Amino acid sequence: MIKKVKKTKSSKVKVVMNDVELSRVLKRMARQIVEANKGVKDLVIVGIIQRGLPLAKRLAEIIETEEGEKIPVGALDVSLYRDDLTKKGQYIEVRKSDMPFAVTDKVAVLVDDVIFAGRTARAALDGLKDYGRAKKVQLAALIDRGHRELPIHPDFVGKMIPTAREEDVKVEIMEVDGVDRVVIK
C-alpha cells in the first residue's frame, strides 16, 4: 500500500515503507543472512556510512537476539573509494570508518540502505579490502531500486521498488532522521 504524505505545497512524497514494515523487513533479512550462512560462525556485519550503519546495527541486534551470539559490527566510509570523485568533488564529506576487527577469513555482510547504480557497493568492496581478505563478502540492501550500471546485485534485499531514474528514493532512519520510513520523492 502506498500512502501519499504532503511535504510542501509544491511537492509530495510517497511513503513506500513505514516503521512497522521496515522492522518486519529487517527481521526477515536477518533470518536470511543466518540461513544463507548456515549460522553465524565467522560472520561480521559492516554498515556503509551513513544510513547503512544503523541498519547494520539493527540486523546484528536481531541476529544476536535470535541466535544468542554477538555479531561484530563495523562502519565503512566509502567516500574516497568512489569512482565519481571528480563529479562530486567538493560535495564529498569524508567520515571516519570504524572497523574494530579484521575481515580476514570472515564472512562480511556489507549493508547499505539503497542500491541503485552499484557504485557505492563497488566502492565498499574496494574499501573493505583494506581490512583484510574476507572469506566471503555478501551485500544486503534495504531497498533495491534497479537501474544498475555495474554488474553488482545484493544477496539480501528488503524490498524491490521499481523507480524512474529521476525519482529519489530516501530511506529515513530513526538514528539519523528521527523517523523510520522509506519515501519516493
N, C-alpha and C. Protein backbone atom coordinates (compact mmCIF):
# COMPACT_ATOMS: atom_id res chain seq x y z
N MET A 1 0.84 -1.17 0.00
CA MET A 1 0.00 0.00 0.00
C MET A 1 0.89 1.24 0.00
N ILE A 2 0.65 2.16 -0.90
CA ILE A 2 1.43 3.39 -0.99
C ILE A 2 0.57 4.53 -0.45
N LYS A 3 1.15 5.24 0.52
CA LYS A 3 0.45 6.38 1.10
C LYS A 3 1.10 7.65 0.63
N LYS A 4 0.33 8.68 0.40
CA LYS A 4 0.89 9.97 0.00
C LYS A 4 0.90 10.88 1.22
N VAL A 5 2.04 11.49 1.44
CA VAL A 5 2.21 12.42 2.55
C VAL A 5 2.60 13.76 1.96
N LYS A 6 1.91 14.80 2.34
CA LYS A 6 2.22 16.12 1.81
C LYS A 6 3.48 16.65 2.48
N LYS A 7 4.46 17.04 1.66
CA LYS A 7 5.71 17.59 2.19
C LYS A 7 5.67 19.11 2.15
N THR A 8 5.42 19.65 1.00
CA THR A 8 5.28 21.10 0.86
C THR A 8 4.13 21.34 -0.08
N LYS A 9 3.82 22.58 -0.32
CA LYS A 9 2.73 22.90 -1.24
C LYS A 9 3.02 22.42 -2.65
N SER A 10 4.29 22.40 -3.05
CA SER A 10 4.61 22.08 -4.44
C SER A 10 5.13 20.65 -4.64
N SER A 11 5.47 19.93 -3.57
CA SER A 11 5.99 18.59 -3.77
C SER A 11 5.34 17.60 -2.81
N LYS A 12 5.21 16.38 -3.29
CA LYS A 12 4.64 15.31 -2.47
C LYS A 12 5.63 14.17 -2.43
N VAL A 13 5.56 13.43 -1.34
CA VAL A 13 6.36 12.22 -1.23
C VAL A 13 5.41 11.05 -1.07
N LYS A 14 5.83 9.89 -1.59
CA LYS A 14 5.06 8.67 -1.42
C LYS A 14 5.78 7.82 -0.38
N VAL A 15 5.09 7.47 0.68
CA VAL A 15 5.65 6.57 1.68
C VAL A 15 5.47 5.15 1.16
N VAL A 16 6.58 4.45 0.92
CA VAL A 16 6.51 3.09 0.40
C VAL A 16 6.82 2.04 1.46
N MET A 17 7.31 2.49 2.62
CA MET A 17 7.54 1.59 3.74
C MET A 17 7.47 2.41 5.03
N ASN A 18 6.63 1.97 5.96
CA ASN A 18 6.54 2.67 7.23
C ASN A 18 7.40 1.97 8.28
N ASP A 19 7.35 2.44 9.51
CA ASP A 19 8.21 1.90 10.56
C ASP A 19 7.94 0.43 10.86
N VAL A 20 6.69 0.03 10.86
CA VAL A 20 6.35 -1.37 11.14
C VAL A 20 6.85 -2.27 10.02
N GLU A 21 6.64 -1.85 8.78
CA GLU A 21 7.11 -2.63 7.63
C GLU A 21 8.63 -2.71 7.61
N LEU A 22 9.31 -1.61 7.93
CA LEU A 22 10.77 -1.59 7.95
C LEU A 22 11.30 -2.59 8.99
N SER A 23 10.70 -2.60 10.15
CA SER A 23 11.10 -3.53 11.21
C SER A 23 10.89 -4.98 10.77
N ARG A 24 9.77 -5.25 10.15
CA ARG A 24 9.45 -6.59 9.67
C ARG A 24 10.46 -7.04 8.60
N VAL A 25 10.80 -6.14 7.70
CA VAL A 25 11.74 -6.45 6.62
C VAL A 25 13.13 -6.75 7.19
N LEU A 26 13.57 -5.97 8.17
CA LEU A 26 14.89 -6.22 8.78
C LEU A 26 14.94 -7.58 9.47
N LYS A 27 13.85 -7.97 10.12
CA LYS A 27 13.81 -9.30 10.77
C LYS A 27 13.94 -10.39 9.71
N ARG A 28 13.24 -10.23 8.60
CA ARG A 28 13.33 -11.22 7.53
C ARG A 28 14.75 -11.28 6.95
N MET A 29 15.35 -10.13 6.72
CA MET A 29 16.71 -10.09 6.19
C MET A 29 17.70 -10.75 7.14
N ALA A 30 17.54 -10.50 8.45
CA ALA A 30 18.43 -11.11 9.44
C ALA A 30 18.33 -12.63 9.39
N ARG A 31 17.11 -13.15 9.29
CA ARG A 31 16.92 -14.61 9.19
C ARG A 31 17.56 -15.15 7.91
N GLN A 32 17.41 -14.42 6.81
CA GLN A 32 18.00 -14.86 5.54
C GLN A 32 19.52 -14.91 5.62
N ILE A 33 20.12 -13.93 6.28
CA ILE A 33 21.57 -13.90 6.45
C ILE A 33 22.04 -15.13 7.22
N VAL A 34 21.36 -15.43 8.31
CA VAL A 34 21.72 -16.59 9.14
C VAL A 34 21.53 -17.88 8.34
N GLU A 35 20.40 -18.01 7.66
CA GLU A 35 20.13 -19.22 6.88
C GLU A 35 21.14 -19.41 5.75
N ALA A 36 21.44 -18.35 5.03
CA ALA A 36 22.37 -18.45 3.89
C ALA A 36 23.77 -18.86 4.33
N ASN A 37 24.12 -18.49 5.57
CA ASN A 37 25.46 -18.78 6.07
C ASN A 37 25.49 -19.97 7.03
N LYS A 38 24.36 -20.66 7.12
CA LYS A 38 24.24 -21.84 8.00
C LYS A 38 24.68 -21.52 9.43
N GLY A 39 24.24 -20.37 9.91
CA GLY A 39 24.58 -19.95 11.26
C GLY A 39 25.34 -18.63 11.24
N VAL A 40 26.02 -18.35 12.34
CA VAL A 40 26.71 -17.07 12.47
C VAL A 40 28.22 -17.20 12.66
N LYS A 41 28.74 -18.41 12.48
CA LYS A 41 30.18 -18.63 12.65
C LYS A 41 30.95 -17.74 11.66
N ASP A 42 31.90 -16.98 12.17
CA ASP A 42 32.77 -16.11 11.38
C ASP A 42 32.03 -14.97 10.67
N LEU A 43 30.83 -14.64 11.12
CA LEU A 43 30.04 -13.58 10.49
C LEU A 43 30.37 -12.22 11.11
N VAL A 44 30.59 -11.23 10.25
CA VAL A 44 30.73 -9.84 10.66
C VAL A 44 29.82 -9.00 9.77
N ILE A 45 29.31 -7.92 10.32
CA ILE A 45 28.43 -7.06 9.55
C ILE A 45 29.07 -5.68 9.45
N VAL A 46 29.10 -5.13 8.24
CA VAL A 46 29.75 -3.85 8.00
C VAL A 46 28.72 -2.89 7.38
N GLY A 47 28.40 -1.84 8.11
CA GLY A 47 27.47 -0.85 7.62
C GLY A 47 28.18 0.22 6.82
N ILE A 48 27.63 0.54 5.66
CA ILE A 48 28.18 1.61 4.84
C ILE A 48 27.64 2.93 5.39
N ILE A 49 28.56 3.80 5.79
CA ILE A 49 28.16 5.09 6.36
C ILE A 49 27.43 5.89 5.29
N GLN A 50 26.26 6.35 5.48
CA GLN A 50 25.66 6.83 6.69
C GLN A 50 24.49 5.96 7.14
N ARG A 51 23.51 5.74 6.30
CA ARG A 51 22.33 5.02 6.76
C ARG A 51 22.49 3.50 6.76
N GLY A 52 23.51 2.99 6.13
CA GLY A 52 23.77 1.56 6.20
C GLY A 52 24.23 1.13 7.58
N LEU A 53 24.89 2.02 8.31
CA LEU A 53 25.40 1.67 9.64
C LEU A 53 24.30 1.39 10.65
N PRO A 54 23.30 2.26 10.82
CA PRO A 54 22.25 1.91 11.78
C PRO A 54 21.47 0.65 11.36
N LEU A 55 21.32 0.44 10.05
CA LEU A 55 20.67 -0.78 9.59
C LEU A 55 21.51 -2.00 9.94
N ALA A 56 22.83 -1.90 9.79
CA ALA A 56 23.74 -2.99 10.14
C ALA A 56 23.64 -3.31 11.63
N LYS A 57 23.60 -2.27 12.45
CA LYS A 57 23.49 -2.49 13.90
C LYS A 57 22.18 -3.17 14.25
N ARG A 58 21.11 -2.76 13.59
CA ARG A 58 19.81 -3.40 13.86
C ARG A 58 19.81 -4.86 13.43
N LEU A 59 20.39 -5.15 12.26
CA LEU A 59 20.47 -6.54 11.81
C LEU A 59 21.27 -7.38 12.82
N ALA A 60 22.38 -6.84 13.29
CA ALA A 60 23.21 -7.56 14.27
C ALA A 60 22.44 -7.80 15.57
N GLU A 61 21.67 -6.82 16.01
CA GLU A 61 20.87 -6.99 17.23
C GLU A 61 19.81 -8.07 17.06
N ILE A 62 19.16 -8.09 15.91
CA ILE A 62 18.14 -9.11 15.64
C ILE A 62 18.77 -10.50 15.63
N ILE A 63 19.91 -10.62 14.96
CA ILE A 63 20.61 -11.90 14.89
C ILE A 63 21.05 -12.33 16.28
N GLU A 64 21.58 -11.40 17.07
CA GLU A 64 22.01 -11.73 18.43
C GLU A 64 20.83 -12.21 19.27
N THR A 65 19.69 -11.55 19.15
CA THR A 65 18.50 -11.96 19.90
C THR A 65 18.06 -13.36 19.50
N GLU A 66 18.06 -13.65 18.21
CA GLU A 66 17.58 -14.95 17.73
C GLU A 66 18.60 -16.06 17.88
N GLU A 67 19.89 -15.74 17.73
CA GLU A 67 20.93 -16.77 17.74
C GLU A 67 21.71 -16.84 19.06
N GLY A 68 21.59 -15.81 19.90
CA GLY A 68 22.28 -15.82 21.18
C GLY A 68 23.77 -15.58 21.08
N GLU A 69 24.21 -15.02 19.97
CA GLU A 69 25.64 -14.75 19.79
C GLU A 69 25.83 -13.34 19.27
N LYS A 70 26.76 -12.61 19.88
CA LYS A 70 27.02 -11.24 19.47
C LYS A 70 27.75 -11.22 18.13
N ILE A 71 27.28 -10.36 17.23
CA ILE A 71 27.87 -10.24 15.90
C ILE A 71 28.65 -8.93 15.83
N PRO A 72 29.94 -8.97 15.50
CA PRO A 72 30.71 -7.72 15.37
C PRO A 72 30.16 -6.85 14.24
N VAL A 73 30.11 -5.54 14.51
CA VAL A 73 29.62 -4.58 13.52
C VAL A 73 30.70 -3.52 13.29
N GLY A 74 30.97 -3.25 12.04
CA GLY A 74 31.92 -2.21 11.67
C GLY A 74 31.24 -1.14 10.83
N ALA A 75 31.89 0.00 10.72
CA ALA A 75 31.38 1.12 9.91
C ALA A 75 32.42 1.45 8.85
N LEU A 76 31.96 1.54 7.61
CA LEU A 76 32.88 1.78 6.50
C LEU A 76 32.45 3.02 5.73
N ASP A 77 33.36 4.00 5.65
CA ASP A 77 33.13 5.17 4.82
C ASP A 77 33.75 4.90 3.45
N VAL A 78 32.94 5.01 2.41
CA VAL A 78 33.42 4.68 1.06
C VAL A 78 33.73 5.92 0.22
N SER A 79 33.65 7.09 0.81
CA SER A 79 33.80 8.35 0.06
C SER A 79 35.02 8.38 -0.84
N LEU A 80 36.16 8.03 -0.31
CA LEU A 80 37.40 8.15 -1.08
C LEU A 80 37.63 6.98 -2.05
N TYR A 81 36.76 5.97 -2.00
CA TYR A 81 36.87 4.83 -2.91
C TYR A 81 35.94 4.97 -4.11
N ARG A 82 35.15 6.01 -4.15
CA ARG A 82 34.17 6.19 -5.21
C ARG A 82 34.85 6.52 -6.54
N ASP A 83 34.23 6.08 -7.62
CA ASP A 83 34.78 6.37 -8.94
C ASP A 83 34.21 7.66 -9.53
N ASP A 84 33.40 8.35 -8.75
CA ASP A 84 32.81 9.61 -9.23
C ASP A 84 33.28 10.81 -8.39
N LEU A 85 34.47 10.70 -7.82
CA LEU A 85 35.01 11.80 -7.00
C LEU A 85 35.12 13.09 -7.80
N THR A 86 35.50 12.98 -9.06
CA THR A 86 35.65 14.20 -9.86
C THR A 86 34.30 14.87 -10.11
N LYS A 87 33.23 14.09 -10.17
CA LYS A 87 31.89 14.67 -10.33
C LYS A 87 31.39 15.30 -9.03
N LYS A 88 31.61 14.59 -7.93
CA LYS A 88 31.09 15.06 -6.64
C LYS A 88 32.03 16.09 -6.01
N GLY A 89 33.32 15.88 -6.20
CA GLY A 89 34.36 16.82 -5.76
C GLY A 89 34.16 17.41 -4.39
N GLN A 90 33.86 18.69 -4.34
CA GLN A 90 33.77 19.42 -3.08
C GLN A 90 32.59 18.99 -2.22
N TYR A 91 31.67 18.22 -2.77
CA TYR A 91 30.49 17.81 -2.02
C TYR A 91 30.70 16.53 -1.21
N ILE A 92 31.88 15.93 -1.33
CA ILE A 92 32.19 14.72 -0.59
C ILE A 92 32.46 15.08 0.87
N GLU A 93 31.78 14.37 1.76
CA GLU A 93 32.05 14.54 3.18
C GLU A 93 32.66 13.24 3.68
N VAL A 94 33.94 13.28 4.02
CA VAL A 94 34.64 12.10 4.49
C VAL A 94 34.36 11.90 5.98
N ARG A 95 33.97 10.67 6.31
CA ARG A 95 33.71 10.32 7.71
C ARG A 95 34.69 9.23 8.12
N LYS A 96 34.81 9.00 9.38
CA LYS A 96 35.77 8.03 9.89
C LYS A 96 35.18 6.62 9.90
N SER A 97 35.85 5.72 9.22
CA SER A 97 35.48 4.30 9.30
C SER A 97 35.83 3.80 10.68
N ASP A 98 35.08 2.83 11.15
CA ASP A 98 35.35 2.21 12.45
C ASP A 98 35.21 0.70 12.28
N MET A 99 36.33 0.06 12.05
CA MET A 99 36.35 -1.38 11.85
C MET A 99 37.18 -2.00 12.99
N PRO A 100 36.52 -2.36 14.08
CA PRO A 100 37.25 -2.88 15.25
C PRO A 100 37.66 -4.35 15.10
N PHE A 101 37.74 -4.83 13.88
CA PHE A 101 38.11 -6.21 13.61
C PHE A 101 38.68 -6.30 12.20
N ALA A 102 39.44 -7.36 11.96
CA ALA A 102 39.91 -7.64 10.60
C ALA A 102 38.87 -8.55 9.95
N VAL A 103 38.71 -8.42 8.64
CA VAL A 103 37.73 -9.26 7.94
C VAL A 103 38.36 -10.54 7.39
N THR A 104 39.65 -10.70 7.60
CA THR A 104 40.35 -11.88 7.10
C THR A 104 39.68 -13.15 7.59
N ASP A 105 39.36 -14.02 6.64
CA ASP A 105 38.72 -15.31 6.90
C ASP A 105 37.33 -15.20 7.53
N LYS A 106 36.69 -14.07 7.38
CA LYS A 106 35.33 -13.86 7.90
C LYS A 106 34.35 -13.79 6.73
N VAL A 107 33.09 -14.00 7.05
CA VAL A 107 32.00 -13.74 6.10
C VAL A 107 31.53 -12.34 6.42
N ALA A 108 31.81 -11.41 5.52
CA ALA A 108 31.47 -10.00 5.74
C ALA A 108 30.20 -9.65 4.98
N VAL A 109 29.21 -9.16 5.71
CA VAL A 109 27.97 -8.72 5.08
C VAL A 109 28.00 -7.20 5.04
N LEU A 110 28.10 -6.64 3.84
CA LEU A 110 28.05 -5.19 3.65
C LEU A 110 26.58 -4.78 3.64
N VAL A 111 26.25 -3.73 4.39
CA VAL A 111 24.85 -3.30 4.50
C VAL A 111 24.74 -1.85 4.03
N ASP A 112 23.78 -1.61 3.11
CA ASP A 112 23.50 -0.26 2.65
C ASP A 112 22.00 -0.06 2.62
N ASP A 113 21.58 1.20 2.59
CA ASP A 113 20.14 1.48 2.60
C ASP A 113 19.51 1.27 1.23
N VAL A 114 20.12 1.81 0.17
CA VAL A 114 19.56 1.71 -1.18
C VAL A 114 20.65 1.29 -2.15
N ILE A 115 20.34 0.33 -3.01
CA ILE A 115 21.25 0.02 -4.11
C ILE A 115 20.60 0.53 -5.39
N PHE A 116 21.40 1.28 -6.15
CA PHE A 116 20.91 1.93 -7.36
C PHE A 116 21.86 1.53 -8.49
N ALA A 117 22.85 2.33 -8.78
CA ALA A 117 23.78 2.05 -9.88
C ALA A 117 24.75 0.93 -9.54
N GLY A 118 25.04 0.73 -8.24
CA GLY A 118 26.00 -0.27 -7.81
C GLY A 118 27.36 0.31 -7.50
N ARG A 119 27.50 1.62 -7.67
CA ARG A 119 28.81 2.25 -7.49
C ARG A 119 29.21 2.34 -6.01
N THR A 120 28.28 2.55 -5.13
CA THR A 120 28.60 2.58 -3.70
C THR A 120 29.05 1.20 -3.24
N ALA A 121 28.36 0.16 -3.70
CA ALA A 121 28.74 -1.21 -3.34
C ALA A 121 30.14 -1.53 -3.86
N ARG A 122 30.45 -1.09 -5.09
CA ARG A 122 31.78 -1.32 -5.65
C ARG A 122 32.84 -0.60 -4.81
N ALA A 123 32.54 0.62 -4.41
CA ALA A 123 33.47 1.37 -3.56
C ALA A 123 33.64 0.67 -2.21
N ALA A 124 32.56 0.10 -1.68
CA ALA A 124 32.65 -0.61 -0.40
C ALA A 124 33.53 -1.85 -0.52
N LEU A 125 33.44 -2.54 -1.64
CA LEU A 125 34.30 -3.70 -1.85
C LEU A 125 35.77 -3.27 -1.87
N ASP A 126 36.05 -2.15 -2.52
CA ASP A 126 37.42 -1.62 -2.54
C ASP A 126 37.88 -1.24 -1.13
N GLY A 127 37.01 -0.59 -0.38
CA GLY A 127 37.35 -0.16 0.98
C GLY A 127 37.53 -1.33 1.93
N LEU A 128 36.71 -2.35 1.78
CA LEU A 128 36.75 -3.50 2.68
C LEU A 128 38.08 -4.23 2.61
N LYS A 129 38.68 -4.26 1.42
CA LYS A 129 39.95 -5.00 1.28
C LYS A 129 41.09 -4.38 2.11
N ASP A 130 40.94 -3.12 2.53
CA ASP A 130 41.94 -2.51 3.41
C ASP A 130 41.92 -3.12 4.81
N TYR A 131 40.90 -3.90 5.11
CA TYR A 131 40.75 -4.50 6.44
C TYR A 131 40.96 -6.01 6.41
N GLY A 132 41.54 -6.50 5.33
CA GLY A 132 41.85 -7.93 5.23
C GLY A 132 41.16 -8.56 4.04
N ARG A 133 41.40 -9.86 3.90
CA ARG A 133 40.78 -10.62 2.80
C ARG A 133 39.69 -11.49 3.37
N ALA A 134 38.46 -11.09 3.14
CA ALA A 134 37.32 -11.83 3.65
C ALA A 134 37.21 -13.18 2.95
N LYS A 135 36.72 -14.16 3.71
CA LYS A 135 36.44 -15.47 3.12
C LYS A 135 35.32 -15.34 2.09
N LYS A 136 34.35 -14.49 2.42
CA LYS A 136 33.21 -14.27 1.54
C LYS A 136 32.64 -12.90 1.85
N VAL A 137 32.17 -12.20 0.82
CA VAL A 137 31.52 -10.91 1.00
C VAL A 137 30.12 -11.01 0.42
N GLN A 138 29.14 -10.59 1.22
CA GLN A 138 27.75 -10.57 0.77
C GLN A 138 27.25 -9.14 0.89
N LEU A 139 26.23 -8.82 0.11
CA LEU A 139 25.67 -7.48 0.11
C LEU A 139 24.20 -7.54 0.51
N ALA A 140 23.84 -6.70 1.48
CA ALA A 140 22.45 -6.57 1.92
C ALA A 140 22.02 -5.13 1.70
N ALA A 141 20.88 -4.95 1.03
CA ALA A 141 20.34 -3.62 0.78
C ALA A 141 18.88 -3.60 1.20
N LEU A 142 18.51 -2.60 1.96
CA LEU A 142 17.12 -2.48 2.38
C LEU A 142 16.22 -2.30 1.16
N ILE A 143 16.65 -1.42 0.23
CA ILE A 143 15.87 -1.13 -0.97
C ILE A 143 16.72 -1.36 -2.22
N ASP A 144 16.16 -2.10 -3.17
CA ASP A 144 16.79 -2.25 -4.49
C ASP A 144 15.88 -1.54 -5.48
N ARG A 145 16.38 -0.46 -6.06
CA ARG A 145 15.55 0.32 -6.98
C ARG A 145 15.90 0.10 -8.45
N GLY A 146 16.82 -0.84 -8.71
CA GLY A 146 17.17 -1.15 -10.10
C GLY A 146 18.10 -0.12 -10.70
N HIS A 147 18.18 -0.10 -12.02
CA HIS A 147 18.99 0.84 -12.80
C HIS A 147 20.49 0.64 -12.60
N ARG A 148 20.92 -0.62 -12.47
CA ARG A 148 22.33 -0.91 -12.22
C ARG A 148 23.20 -0.47 -13.40
N GLU A 149 24.35 0.11 -13.08
CA GLU A 149 25.36 0.47 -14.07
C GLU A 149 26.54 -0.49 -14.01
N LEU A 150 26.63 -1.23 -12.92
CA LEU A 150 27.70 -2.21 -12.73
C LEU A 150 27.06 -3.57 -12.44
N PRO A 151 27.77 -4.65 -12.74
CA PRO A 151 27.20 -5.99 -12.52
C PRO A 151 27.28 -6.40 -11.04
N ILE A 152 26.60 -5.65 -10.21
CA ILE A 152 26.60 -5.89 -8.76
C ILE A 152 25.14 -6.03 -8.32
N HIS A 153 24.86 -7.13 -7.63
CA HIS A 153 23.49 -7.37 -7.17
C HIS A 153 23.53 -7.83 -5.72
N PRO A 154 22.61 -7.35 -4.89
CA PRO A 154 22.63 -7.73 -3.48
C PRO A 154 22.22 -9.19 -3.27
N ASP A 155 22.78 -9.80 -2.23
CA ASP A 155 22.41 -11.16 -1.84
C ASP A 155 21.12 -11.14 -1.03
N PHE A 156 20.90 -10.05 -0.30
CA PHE A 156 19.73 -9.92 0.56
C PHE A 156 19.07 -8.57 0.28
N VAL A 157 17.79 -8.59 -0.03
CA VAL A 157 17.06 -7.37 -0.36
C VAL A 157 15.82 -7.29 0.52
N GLY A 158 15.62 -6.12 1.12
CA GLY A 158 14.42 -5.91 1.91
C GLY A 158 13.20 -5.76 1.02
N LYS A 159 13.29 -4.88 0.03
CA LYS A 159 12.17 -4.63 -0.86
C LYS A 159 12.69 -4.10 -2.18
N MET A 160 12.15 -4.62 -3.27
CA MET A 160 12.46 -4.09 -4.59
C MET A 160 11.40 -3.05 -4.93
N ILE A 161 11.85 -1.87 -5.33
CA ILE A 161 10.93 -0.79 -5.69
C ILE A 161 11.30 -0.30 -7.08
N PRO A 162 10.49 -0.65 -8.07
CA PRO A 162 10.76 -0.13 -9.42
C PRO A 162 10.58 1.39 -9.41
N THR A 163 11.55 2.08 -9.96
CA THR A 163 11.51 3.54 -9.98
C THR A 163 11.93 4.07 -11.33
N ALA A 164 11.59 5.31 -11.56
CA ALA A 164 12.14 6.03 -12.71
C ALA A 164 13.49 6.59 -12.27
N ARG A 165 14.40 6.76 -13.21
CA ARG A 165 15.73 7.28 -12.88
C ARG A 165 15.68 8.62 -12.16
N GLU A 166 14.73 9.48 -12.55
CA GLU A 166 14.68 10.82 -11.96
C GLU A 166 14.04 10.85 -10.57
N GLU A 167 13.43 9.75 -10.15
CA GLU A 167 12.85 9.71 -8.81
C GLU A 167 13.97 9.55 -7.78
N ASP A 168 13.69 10.00 -6.58
CA ASP A 168 14.66 9.91 -5.49
C ASP A 168 14.06 9.03 -4.40
N VAL A 169 14.74 7.91 -4.10
CA VAL A 169 14.31 7.03 -3.02
C VAL A 169 15.11 7.41 -1.79
N LYS A 170 14.44 7.70 -0.70
CA LYS A 170 15.11 8.13 0.53
C LYS A 170 14.70 7.21 1.67
N VAL A 171 15.69 6.58 2.28
CA VAL A 171 15.46 5.80 3.48
C VAL A 171 15.71 6.74 4.66
N GLU A 172 14.71 6.88 5.48
CA GLU A 172 14.83 7.72 6.67
C GLU A 172 14.89 6.79 7.88
N ILE A 173 15.94 6.96 8.67
CA ILE A 173 16.23 6.08 9.79
C ILE A 173 16.16 6.88 11.09
N MET A 174 15.54 6.29 12.10
CA MET A 174 15.35 6.96 13.39
C MET A 174 16.66 7.56 13.92
N GLU A 175 17.74 6.81 13.85
CA GLU A 175 19.02 7.26 14.40
C GLU A 175 19.59 8.48 13.68
N VAL A 176 19.21 8.69 12.44
CA VAL A 176 19.74 9.80 11.65
C VAL A 176 18.68 10.88 11.40
N ASP A 177 17.46 10.43 11.08
CA ASP A 177 16.40 11.35 10.63
C ASP A 177 15.26 11.55 11.61
N GLY A 178 15.23 10.76 12.68
CA GLY A 178 14.15 10.88 13.66
C GLY A 178 12.87 10.16 13.28
N VAL A 179 12.90 9.37 12.20
CA VAL A 179 11.72 8.63 11.75
C VAL A 179 12.20 7.40 10.97
N ASP A 180 11.43 6.34 11.02
CA ASP A 180 11.72 5.14 10.22
C ASP A 180 10.69 5.05 9.10
N ARG A 181 11.16 5.24 7.86
CA ARG A 181 10.28 5.08 6.70
C ARG A 181 11.12 5.18 5.43
N VAL A 182 10.51 4.74 4.34
CA VAL A 182 11.12 4.86 3.02
C VAL A 182 10.14 5.64 2.16
N VAL A 183 10.66 6.69 1.49
CA VAL A 183 9.81 7.51 0.65
C VAL A 183 10.40 7.65 -0.74
N ILE A 184 9.50 7.95 -1.69
CA ILE A 184 9.93 8.30 -3.04
C ILE A 184 9.51 9.75 -3.26
N LYS A 185 10.49 10.55 -3.70
CA LYS A 185 10.21 11.97 -3.94
C LYS A 185 10.15 12.23 -5.43
